[in-house]
Amino acid sequence: MANVKWVVDPTHSEVQFKVKHLMITTVTGYFNTFHVTAETDDENFSGAHDIVFTTDVNSISTNNEQRDTHLKSPDFFDAEQHSEIRFVGTKYENVGGEDFKLHGDLTIRDITKPVTLNVEFGGIVVDPYGQTKAGFTVSGKISRKDFGLTWNAVTEAGSVVVSDEIKLHAEIQLVKQA
């Protein structure tokens, strides 16, 4: 079997995260510059391997320039020293129908931890331009403190400003390479 290579279609994909602020509302952020590559043994993703995701920390956007600057600072991502977030898949397993678990190693601030993500496979289609595309919805949760993102403050009432749990969500469209 020949390996089939796939790369992200960035114009039809997005990567976001959600975090509780003051424990009463949720702030959504995006990474606007990212790359995803994968290989399969054929056009069926059940045997996907060599799955790699990277993003440029400096592309973070929460629709608030002051907050984005703080997130890039040493208090959080320290983008000057650690400009890339990287996920390398180690196992892609079908858990029923179109539902999969993607196990892998996530690296933030040079700290690598195992993470398991939920993947819903949306299918494969050929677009009007003859390109074969595959779609995925990816979700999961991580502890930011596990990756050295420990900054926080406490309100007068004793509530934390930023929750530890980060919810991850991505809509990913991959394009088959010729």
Protein backbone atom coordinates (compact mmCIF):
# COMPACT_ATOMS: atom_id res chain seq x y z
CA MET A 1 0.00 0.00 0.00
CA ALA A 2 1.18 3.48 -0.81
CA ASN A 3 1.08 6.22 1.79
CA VAL A 4 -1.34 9.02 1.06
CA LYS A 5 -0.23 12.43 2.32
CA TRP A 6 -2.69 15.06 3.54
CA VAL A 7 -2.19 18.73 4.50
CA VAL A 8 -4.50 21.24 6.12
CA ASP A 9 -6.67 23.57 4.07
CA PRO A 10 -6.27 26.64 6.31
CA THR A 11 -9.07 28.61 4.65
CA HIS A 12 -11.58 25.94 5.67
CA SER A 13 -10.17 25.09 9.10
CA GLU A 14 -10.01 26.75 12.50
CA VAL A 15 -8.38 26.09 15.85
CA GLN A 16 -9.85 27.55 19.01
CA PHE A 17 -9.72 27.27 22.77
CA LYS A 18 -12.11 28.28 25.53
CA VAL A 19 -11.30 29.23 29.10
CA LYS A 20 -13.44 30.41 32.00
CA HIS A 21 -12.80 34.01 33.08
CA LEU A 22 -13.71 34.92 36.67
CA MET A 23 -15.49 31.53 36.64
CA ILE A 24 -18.64 33.21 35.28
CA THR A 25 -18.03 33.60 31.52
CA THR A 26 -16.03 31.89 28.82
CA VAL A 27 -13.44 33.59 26.64
CA THR A 28 -12.76 32.11 23.20
CA GLY A 29 -9.39 32.39 21.51
CA TYR A 30 -8.03 31.31 18.16
CA PHE A 31 -4.70 30.41 16.64
CA ASN A 32 -4.72 31.91 13.16
CA THR A 33 -1.51 30.32 11.83
CA PHE A 34 -1.30 26.54 12.06
CA HIS A 35 -0.28 23.49 10.06
CA VAL A 36 -1.58 19.93 10.06
CA THR A 37 -0.17 16.98 8.17
CA ALA A 38 -1.20 13.33 8.20
CA GLU A 39 -0.58 10.14 6.30
CA THR A 40 -2.89 7.25 5.60
CA ASP A 41 -2.38 3.85 4.03
CA ASP A 42 -5.19 4.66 1.62
CA GLU A 43 -8.02 7.18 1.47
CA ASN A 44 -9.66 5.62 4.52
CA PHE A 45 -8.54 7.41 7.69
CA SER A 46 -8.94 4.36 9.91
CA GLY A 47 -5.20 3.76 9.56
CA ALA A 48 -4.06 7.39 9.87
CA HIS A 49 -0.53 7.92 11.15
CA ASP A 50 2.21 10.56 11.24
CA ILE A 51 -0.34 13.17 12.37
CA VAL A 52 1.37 16.43 13.28
CA PHE A 53 -0.17 19.76 14.30
CA THR A 54 1.81 22.95 14.91
CA THR A 55 0.72 26.49 15.60
CA ASP A 56 2.47 29.81 15.91
CA VAL A 57 1.83 31.20 19.40
CA ASN A 58 2.19 34.72 18.00
CA SER A 59 -0.95 34.13 15.91
CA ILE A 60 -3.15 33.96 19.02
CA SER A 61 -6.27 36.11 18.95
CA THR A 62 -8.92 36.59 21.62
CA ASN A 63 -10.28 39.78 20.01
CA ASN A 64 -8.54 41.84 22.69
CA GLU A 65 -5.05 43.15 21.92
CA GLN A 66 -4.11 43.74 25.56
CA ARG A 67 -5.12 40.19 26.55
CA ASP A 68 -3.34 38.73 23.49
CA THR A 69 -0.14 40.55 24.47
CA HIS A 70 -0.45 39.18 28.01
CA LEU A 71 -0.98 35.64 26.67
CA LYS A 72 2.22 35.94 24.59
CA SER A 73 4.19 37.16 27.64
CA PRO A 74 6.22 34.99 30.04
CA ASP A 75 3.13 34.87 32.33
CA PHE A 76 1.54 32.47 29.83
CA PHE A 77 3.00 31.14 26.54
CA ASP A 78 6.27 33.11 26.58
CA ALA A 79 6.12 33.38 22.79
CA GLU A 80 9.56 34.94 22.55
CA GLN A 81 11.16 31.77 23.97
CA HIS A 82 8.52 29.20 22.95
CA SER A 83 6.93 30.31 19.70
CA GLU A 84 5.40 26.98 18.70
CA ILE A 85 2.81 24.62 20.13
CA ARG A 86 3.17 21.09 18.76
CA PHE A 87 1.03 17.95 18.85
CA VAL A 88 2.35 14.66 17.46
CA GLY A 89 -0.16 11.84 17.17
CA THR A 90 0.90 8.43 18.49
CA LYS A 91 -2.31 6.43 17.97
CA TYR A 92 -5.54 7.01 16.04
CA GLU A 93 -8.24 4.56 17.07
CA ASN A 94 -11.83 4.01 16.02
CA VAL A 95 -14.16 3.94 19.03
CA GLY A 96 -17.34 3.39 17.01
CA GLY A 97 -18.73 4.56 13.69
CA GLU A 98 -17.23 7.92 12.77
CA ASP A 99 -15.84 8.54 16.27
CA PHE A 100 -12.12 8.24 16.96
CA LYS A 101 -9.64 8.93 19.73
CA LEU A 102 -6.39 10.61 18.78
CA HIS A 103 -3.66 9.99 21.31
CA GLY A 104 -0.48 11.99 21.15
CA ASP A 105 2.09 14.23 22.76
CA LEU A 106 1.32 17.92 23.19
CA THR A 107 4.21 20.33 23.71
CA ILE A 108 3.67 23.82 25.13
CA ARG A 109 6.58 25.87 26.56
CA ASP A 110 8.91 22.89 25.99
CA ILE A 111 6.77 20.75 28.32
CA THR A 112 5.43 17.61 26.66
CA LYS A 113 2.48 15.67 28.06
CA PRO A 114 0.28 12.89 26.65
CA VAL A 115 -3.16 14.07 25.52
CA THR A 116 -6.19 12.25 24.11
CA LEU A 117 -8.51 14.12 21.77
CA ASN A 118 -11.95 13.21 20.49
CA VAL A 119 -12.27 13.17 16.71
CA GLU A 120 -15.44 13.03 14.67
CA PHE A 121 -14.67 12.06 11.09
CA GLY A 122 -16.90 14.05 8.73
CA GLY A 123 -16.08 12.10 5.60
CA ILE A 124 -14.25 12.52 2.32
CA VAL A 125 -15.45 14.44 -0.74
CA VAL A 126 -14.06 15.75 -4.01
CA ASP A 127 -14.57 19.51 -4.24
CA PRO A 128 -15.60 21.35 -7.46
CA TYR A 129 -11.90 21.85 -8.31
CA GLY A 130 -11.08 18.14 -8.22
CA GLN A 131 -9.34 18.17 -4.83
CA THR A 132 -10.03 15.29 -2.44
CA LYS A 133 -10.79 16.65 1.03
CA ALA A 134 -11.43 15.07 4.42
CA GLY A 135 -13.15 16.77 7.34
CA PHE A 136 -12.77 16.39 11.09
CA THR A 137 -14.12 17.94 14.28
CA VAL A 138 -11.56 17.65 17.08
CA SER A 139 -12.22 18.38 20.75
CA GLY A 140 -10.62 17.85 24.12
CA LYS A 141 -9.57 19.36 27.42
CA ILE A 142 -6.22 20.04 28.99
CA SER A 143 -4.92 21.51 32.23
CA ARG A 144 -2.97 24.66 31.42
CA LYS A 145 -0.95 24.24 34.62
CA ASP A 146 0.40 20.91 33.31
CA PHE A 147 2.22 22.96 30.66
CA GLY A 148 3.65 25.66 32.92
CA LEU A 149 0.87 28.18 32.25
CA THR A 150 0.38 28.92 35.94
CA TRP A 151 -0.25 32.69 36.10
CA ASN A 152 -3.39 33.63 37.93
CA ALA A 153 -4.88 36.25 40.20
CA VAL A 154 -7.63 36.17 42.78
CA THR A 155 -10.57 38.56 42.97
CA GLU A 156 -11.61 40.31 46.19
CA ALA A 157 -14.30 37.65 46.58
CA GLY A 158 -11.70 34.87 46.33
CA SER A 159 -12.47 33.67 42.79
CA VAL A 160 -9.68 32.86 40.38
CA VAL A 161 -9.38 35.01 37.27
CA VAL A 162 -8.51 32.23 34.80
CA SER A 163 -9.58 28.58 35.12
CA ASP A 164 -7.09 25.74 34.88
CA GLU A 165 -9.19 23.75 32.38
CA ILE A 166 -8.84 24.70 28.73
CA LYS A 167 -11.33 23.35 26.22
CA LEU A 168 -9.92 22.71 22.75
CA HIS A 169 -11.96 22.70 19.56
CA ALA A 170 -10.85 22.49 15.94
CA GLU A 171 -12.58 22.14 12.60
CA ILE A 172 -9.99 20.64 10.29
CA GLN A 173 -10.22 20.08 6.54
CA LEU A 174 -7.35 18.16 4.97
CA VAL A 175 -6.44 18.08 1.28
CA LYS A 176 -5.03 14.95 -0.35
CA GLN A 177 -1.66 15.59 -1.95
CA ALA A 178 -1.02 14.28 -5.45
